[in-house]
Amino acid sequence: MYINDVIGPYIGVFIEWGFLMAFLFKLVSRLNNPDKSAVQLSFIMAFSYLLSGTFSFSYSTYLNWFIYDLITIGVIALWFLYVKKRRFITLVYILIGLSLNALLMITTHYDIYVRHNNEHWFLWTVYSYGVNIIDLLMITALATEKDFFLLRKVLNRFGSRHSYNIQKYPLDN
């Protein structure tokens, strides 16, 4: 069962609201903290999701969201290089989430608009639930800055042979 056109817009508004609330929460909680990395990252995400619901680049909604995810990944990469911070776990969760969302969106676009498939199948269910669950996980990662999948431990263990050193917070030493 995929999420239909009736409930889909409400879920989209809820996700946009979630990113906005994560930004406002970080803004208030980091008010007296000199490091504003989490605030800036949550602003980038909230702004991207608010824009994607307002402006379209393409006739295809899926292609439009794919383009917005790629632009957001690019903006985050430029921001990360500009602020010269260490990698932190929230950034990893956001980049993985945006990449997975982009992959799901481009495959769904290909299935519907290129292959002209109109019959419901497994990919549509994976897309419907996958994108929304990933969005909720990104909102949770932004708001809590917790490593709920223990990615930091896995990447740092893998990083013993490479230079990954993922930090819990932007200024951990």
C-alpha atoms as a PDB file:
ATOM      1  CA  MET A   1       0.000   0.000   0.000  1.00  0.00           C
ATOM      2  CA  TYR A   2       1.432   3.334  -0.964  1.00  0.00           C
ATOM      3  CA  ILE A   3       0.532   6.708   0.506  1.00  0.00           C
ATOM      4  CA  ASN A   4      -2.166   8.219  -1.703  1.00  0.00           C
ATOM      5  CA  ASP A   5      -2.794  11.756  -2.912  1.00  0.00           C
ATOM      6  CA  VAL A   6      -5.251  12.506  -0.112  1.00  0.00           C
ATOM      7  CA  ILE A   7      -2.911  12.076   2.845  1.00  0.00           C
ATOM      8  CA  GLY A   8       0.377  12.783   1.023  1.00  0.00           C
ATOM      9  CA  PRO A   9       0.191  16.603   1.153  1.00  0.00           C
ATOM     10  CA  TYR A  10      -0.551  16.502   4.886  1.00  0.00           C
ATOM     11  CA  ILE A  11       2.491  14.323   5.486  1.00  0.00           C
ATOM     12  CA  GLY A  12       4.565  16.734   3.386  1.00  0.00           C
ATOM     13  CA  VAL A  13       3.410  19.700   5.456  1.00  0.00           C
ATOM     14  CA  PHE A  14       4.134  17.759   8.655  1.00  0.00           C
ATOM     15  CA  ILE A  15       7.695  17.030   7.458  1.00  0.00           C
ATOM     16  CA  GLU A  16       8.255  20.702   6.544  1.00  0.00           C
ATOM     17  CA  TRP A  17       6.901  21.693   9.955  1.00  0.00           C
ATOM     18  CA  GLY A  18       9.231  19.154  11.591  1.00  0.00           C
ATOM     19  CA  PHE A  19      12.315  20.646   9.947  1.00  0.00           C
ATOM     20  CA  LEU A  20      11.153  24.139  10.890  1.00  0.00           C
ATOM     21  CA  MET A  21      10.627  23.059  14.519  1.00  0.00           C
ATOM     22  CA  ALA A  22      14.062  21.370  14.581  1.00  0.00           C
ATOM     23  CA  PHE A  23      15.580  24.643  13.361  1.00  0.00           C
ATOM     24  CA  LEU A  24      13.714  26.739  15.930  1.00  0.00           C
ATOM     25  CA  PHE A  25      14.618  24.284  18.699  1.00  0.00           C
ATOM     26  CA  LYS A  26      18.309  24.442  17.753  1.00  0.00           C
ATOM     27  CA  LEU A  27      18.111  28.224  17.493  1.00  0.00           C
ATOM     28  CA  VAL A  28      16.777  28.525  21.033  1.00  0.00           C
ATOM     29  CA  SER A  29      18.917  25.786  22.582  1.00  0.00           C
ATOM     30  CA  ARG A  30      22.158  27.093  21.040  1.00  0.00           C
ATOM     31  CA  LEU A  31      21.463  30.743  21.804  1.00  0.00           C
ATOM     32  CA  ASN A  32      24.421  31.152  24.178  1.00  0.00           C
ATOM     33  CA  ASN A  33      26.636  28.558  22.512  1.00  0.00           C
ATOM     34  CA  PRO A  34      29.408  30.001  20.311  1.00  0.00           C
ATOM     35  CA  ASP A  35      29.177  27.047  17.916  1.00  0.00           C
ATOM     36  CA  LYS A  36      26.198  27.533  15.617  1.00  0.00           C
ATOM     37  CA  SER A  37      26.889  24.576  13.283  1.00  0.00           C
ATOM     38  CA  ALA A  38      23.777  22.631  14.276  1.00  0.00           C
ATOM     39  CA  VAL A  39      21.642  25.771  13.921  1.00  0.00           C
ATOM     40  CA  GLN A  40      23.059  26.477  10.473  1.00  0.00           C
ATOM     41  CA  LEU A  41      22.594  22.884   9.317  1.00  0.00           C
ATOM     42  CA  SER A  42      19.002  22.791  10.554  1.00  0.00           C
ATOM     43  CA  PHE A  43      18.340  26.132   8.809  1.00  0.00           C
ATOM     44  CA  ILE A  44      19.679  24.735   5.517  1.00  0.00           C
ATOM     45  CA  MET A  45      17.380  21.723   5.836  1.00  0.00           C
ATOM     46  CA  ALA A  46      14.300  23.732   6.836  1.00  0.00           C
ATOM     47  CA  PHE A  47      14.878  26.265   4.051  1.00  0.00           C
ATOM     48  CA  SER A  48      15.392  23.514   1.470  1.00  0.00           C
ATOM     49  CA  TYR A  49      12.227  21.671   2.422  1.00  0.00           C
ATOM     50  CA  LEU A  50      10.180  24.871   2.529  1.00  0.00           C
ATOM     51  CA  LEU A  51      11.457  25.868  -0.931  1.00  0.00           C
ATOM     52  CA  SER A  52      10.820  22.423  -2.402  1.00  0.00           C
ATOM     53  CA  GLY A  53       7.167  22.702  -1.436  1.00  0.00           C
ATOM     54  CA  THR A  54       6.893  26.135  -3.058  1.00  0.00           C
ATOM     55  CA  PHE A  55       8.963  26.224  -6.270  1.00  0.00           C
ATOM     56  CA  SER A  56       9.262  23.616  -9.005  1.00  0.00           C
ATOM     57  CA  PHE A  57      12.085  22.997 -11.456  1.00  0.00           C
ATOM     58  CA  SER A  58      10.352  20.218 -13.346  1.00  0.00           C
ATOM     59  CA  TYR A  59       6.993  18.836 -14.423  1.00  0.00           C
ATOM     60  CA  SER A  60       7.680  15.748 -12.293  1.00  0.00           C
ATOM     61  CA  THR A  61       7.319  16.075  -8.543  1.00  0.00           C
ATOM     62  CA  TYR A  62       9.816  13.254  -7.997  1.00  0.00           C
ATOM     63  CA  LEU A  63      12.397  14.850 -10.271  1.00  0.00           C
ATOM     64  CA  ASN A  64      11.819  18.194  -8.553  1.00  0.00           C
ATOM     65  CA  TRP A  65      12.480  16.673  -5.115  1.00  0.00           C
ATOM     66  CA  PHE A  66      15.518  14.836  -6.502  1.00  0.00           C
ATOM     67  CA  ILE A  67      16.958  18.132  -7.773  1.00  0.00           C
ATOM     68  CA  TYR A  68      16.274  19.819  -4.421  1.00  0.00           C
ATOM     69  CA  ASP A  69      18.021  16.984  -2.573  1.00  0.00           C
ATOM     70  CA  LEU A  70      21.067  17.281  -4.838  1.00  0.00           C
ATOM     71  CA  ILE A  71      21.143  21.060  -4.399  1.00  0.00           C
ATOM     72  CA  THR A  72      20.819  20.642  -0.631  1.00  0.00           C
ATOM     73  CA  ILE A  73      23.683  18.118  -0.564  1.00  0.00           C
ATOM     74  CA  GLY A  74      25.783  20.599  -2.566  1.00  0.00           C
ATOM     75  CA  VAL A  75      24.899  23.514  -0.285  1.00  0.00           C
ATOM     76  CA  ILE A  76      25.737  21.429   2.790  1.00  0.00           C
ATOM     77  CA  ALA A  77      29.065  20.402   1.238  1.00  0.00           C
ATOM     78  CA  LEU A  78      29.927  24.038   0.474  1.00  0.00           C
ATOM     79  CA  TRP A  79      28.807  25.104   3.952  1.00  0.00           C
ATOM     80  CA  PHE A  80      30.923  22.352   5.516  1.00  0.00           C
ATOM     81  CA  LEU A  81      33.999  23.465   3.565  1.00  0.00           C
ATOM     82  CA  TYR A  82      33.323  27.115   4.376  1.00  0.00           C
ATOM     83  CA  VAL A  83      32.900  26.772   8.143  1.00  0.00           C
ATOM     84  CA  LYS A  84      35.842  24.350   8.365  1.00  0.00           C
ATOM     85  CA  LYS A  85      34.305  22.257  11.126  1.00  0.00           C
ATOM     86  CA  ARG A  86      34.982  18.653  11.929  1.00  0.00           C
ATOM     87  CA  ARG A  87      32.416  16.177  10.731  1.00  0.00           C
ATOM     88  CA  PHE A  88      29.734  15.534  13.305  1.00  0.00           C
ATOM     89  CA  ILE A  89      27.181  12.792  13.496  1.00  0.00           C
ATOM     90  CA  THR A  90      24.164  14.927  12.617  1.00  0.00           C
ATOM     91  CA  LEU A  91      25.864  15.905   9.366  1.00  0.00           C
ATOM     92  CA  VAL A  92      26.455  12.232   8.544  1.00  0.00           C
ATOM     93  CA  TYR A  93      22.793  11.357   9.195  1.00  0.00           C
ATOM     94  CA  ILE A  94      21.605  14.276   7.050  1.00  0.00           C
ATOM     95  CA  LEU A  95      23.885  13.429   4.119  1.00  0.00           C
ATOM     96  CA  ILE A  96      22.980   9.734   4.225  1.00  0.00           C
ATOM     97  CA  GLY A  97      19.267  10.598   4.501  1.00  0.00           C
ATOM     98  CA  LEU A  98      19.352  13.062   1.610  1.00  0.00           C
ATOM     99  CA  SER A  99      21.295  10.591  -0.536  1.00  0.00           C
ATOM    100  CA  LEU A 100      18.828   7.771   0.150  1.00  0.00           C
ATOM    101  CA  ASN A 101      15.880  10.091  -0.502  1.00  0.00           C
ATOM    102  CA  ALA A 102      17.434  11.222  -3.783  1.00  0.00           C
ATOM    103  CA  LEU A 103      17.983   7.607  -4.823  1.00  0.00           C
ATOM    104  CA  LEU A 104      14.375   6.687  -4.033  1.00  0.00           C
ATOM    105  CA  MET A 105      13.060   9.740  -5.871  1.00  0.00           C
ATOM    106  CA  ILE A 106      15.062   9.229  -9.052  1.00  0.00           C
ATOM    107  CA  THR A 107      14.114   5.539  -9.223  1.00  0.00           C
ATOM    108  CA  THR A 108      10.438   6.387  -8.738  1.00  0.00           C
ATOM    109  CA  HIS A 109      10.666   9.123 -11.380  1.00  0.00           C
ATOM    110  CA  TYR A 110      12.294   6.658 -13.772  1.00  0.00           C
ATOM    111  CA  ASP A 111       9.619   4.056 -13.077  1.00  0.00           C
ATOM    112  CA  ILE A 112       6.644   6.380 -13.545  1.00  0.00           C
ATOM    113  CA  TYR A 113       7.783   8.943 -16.147  1.00  0.00           C
ATOM    114  CA  VAL A 114      10.397   7.091 -18.201  1.00  0.00           C
ATOM    115  CA  ARG A 115       9.059   3.531 -18.116  1.00  0.00           C
ATOM    116  CA  HIS A 116       5.426   4.787 -17.911  1.00  0.00           C
ATOM    117  CA  ASN A 117       4.531   2.230 -15.273  1.00  0.00           C
ATOM    118  CA  ASN A 118       1.110   2.889 -13.754  1.00  0.00           C
ATOM    119  CA  GLU A 119       0.686  -0.370 -11.870  1.00  0.00           C
ATOM    120  CA  HIS A 120       1.356  -0.430  -8.145  1.00  0.00           C
ATOM    121  CA  TRP A 121       4.350  -2.523  -7.156  1.00  0.00           C
ATOM    122  CA  PHE A 122       6.898  -2.927  -4.360  1.00  0.00           C
ATOM    123  CA  LEU A 123       9.011   0.153  -5.247  1.00  0.00           C
ATOM    124  CA  TRP A 124       6.063   2.466  -4.662  1.00  0.00           C
ATOM    125  CA  THR A 125       5.562   1.100  -1.155  1.00  0.00           C
ATOM    126  CA  VAL A 126       9.290   1.358  -0.404  1.00  0.00           C
ATOM    127  CA  TYR A 127       9.265   4.928  -1.702  1.00  0.00           C
ATOM    128  CA  SER A 128       6.119   5.976   0.191  1.00  0.00           C
ATOM    129  CA  TYR A 129       7.263   4.732   3.550  1.00  0.00           C
ATOM    130  CA  GLY A 130      11.015   5.021   3.013  1.00  0.00           C
ATOM    131  CA  VAL A 131      11.120   8.729   2.198  1.00  0.00           C
ATOM    132  CA  ASN A 132       8.875   9.646   5.122  1.00  0.00           C
ATOM    133  CA  ILE A 133      10.756   7.478   7.620  1.00  0.00           C
ATOM    134  CA  ILE A 134      14.081   8.888   6.418  1.00  0.00           C
ATOM    135  CA  ASP A 135      12.710  12.436   6.751  1.00  0.00           C
ATOM    136  CA  LEU A 136      11.559  11.719  10.306  1.00  0.00           C
ATOM    137  CA  LEU A 137      14.972  10.247  11.142  1.00  0.00           C
ATOM    138  CA  MET A 138      16.688  13.366   9.776  1.00  0.00           C
ATOM    139  CA  ILE A 139      14.399  15.601  11.854  1.00  0.00           C
ATOM    140  CA  THR A 140      15.150  13.501  14.936  1.00  0.00           C
ATOM    141  CA  ALA A 141      18.892  13.607  14.240  1.00  0.00           C
ATOM    142  CA  LEU A 142      18.764  17.400  13.886  1.00  0.00           C
ATOM    143  CA  ALA A 143      16.729  17.918  17.040  1.00  0.00           C
ATOM    144  CA  THR A 144      18.512  15.468  19.335  1.00  0.00           C
ATOM    145  CA  GLU A 145      22.016  15.150  17.839  1.00  0.00           C
ATOM    146  CA  LYS A 146      21.964  11.519  18.986  1.00  0.00           C
ATOM    147  CA  ASP A 147      23.609   8.626  17.193  1.00  0.00           C
ATOM    148  CA  PHE A 148      20.662   6.214  17.373  1.00  0.00           C
ATOM    149  CA  PHE A 149      22.114   3.773  14.794  1.00  0.00           C
ATOM    150  CA  LEU A 150      25.646   3.852  16.278  1.00  0.00           C
ATOM    151  CA  LEU A 151      27.049   5.111  12.976  1.00  0.00           C
ATOM    152  CA  ARG A 152      29.814   6.997  14.758  1.00  0.00           C
ATOM    153  CA  LYS A 153      31.171   3.804  16.282  1.00  0.00           C
ATOM    154  CA  VAL A 154      30.969   1.940  12.972  1.00  0.00           C
ATOM    155  CA  LEU A 155      32.562   4.751  10.961  1.00  0.00           C
ATOM    156  CA  ASN A 156      35.307   5.353  13.528  1.00  0.00           C
ATOM    157  CA  ARG A 157      36.090   1.628  13.607  1.00  0.00           C
ATOM    158  CA  PHE A 158      36.199   1.620   9.826  1.00  0.00           C
ATOM    159  CA  GLY A 159      38.134   4.889  10.014  1.00  0.00           C
ATOM    160  CA  SER A 160      41.001   3.283  11.921  1.00  0.00           C
ATOM    161  CA  ARG A 161      42.356   2.406   8.479  1.00  0.00           C
ATOM    162  CA  HIS A 162      41.106   5.653   6.955  1.00  0.00           C
ATOM    163  CA  SER A 163      40.695   9.201   8.262  1.00  0.00           C
ATOM    164  CA  TYR A 164      36.993   9.378   9.177  1.00  0.00           C
ATOM    165  CA  ASN A 165      37.058  10.457  12.870  1.00  0.00           C
ATOM    166  CA  ILE A 166      33.364  11.333  13.154  1.00  0.00           C
ATOM    167  CA  GLN A 167      32.632  13.470  16.207  1.00  0.00           C
ATOM    168  CA  LYS A 168      29.477  13.456  18.280  1.00  0.00           C
ATOM    169  CA  TYR A 169      29.277  17.241  18.324  1.00  0.00           C
ATOM    170  CA  PRO A 170      30.982  19.771  16.048  1.00  0.00           C
ATOM    171  CA  LEU A 171      33.583  20.860  18.630  1.00  0.00           C
ATOM    172  CA  ASP A 172      34.412  17.565  20.379  1.00  0.00           C
ATOM    173  CA  ASN A 173      38.141  17.055  20.822  1.00  0.00           C
END
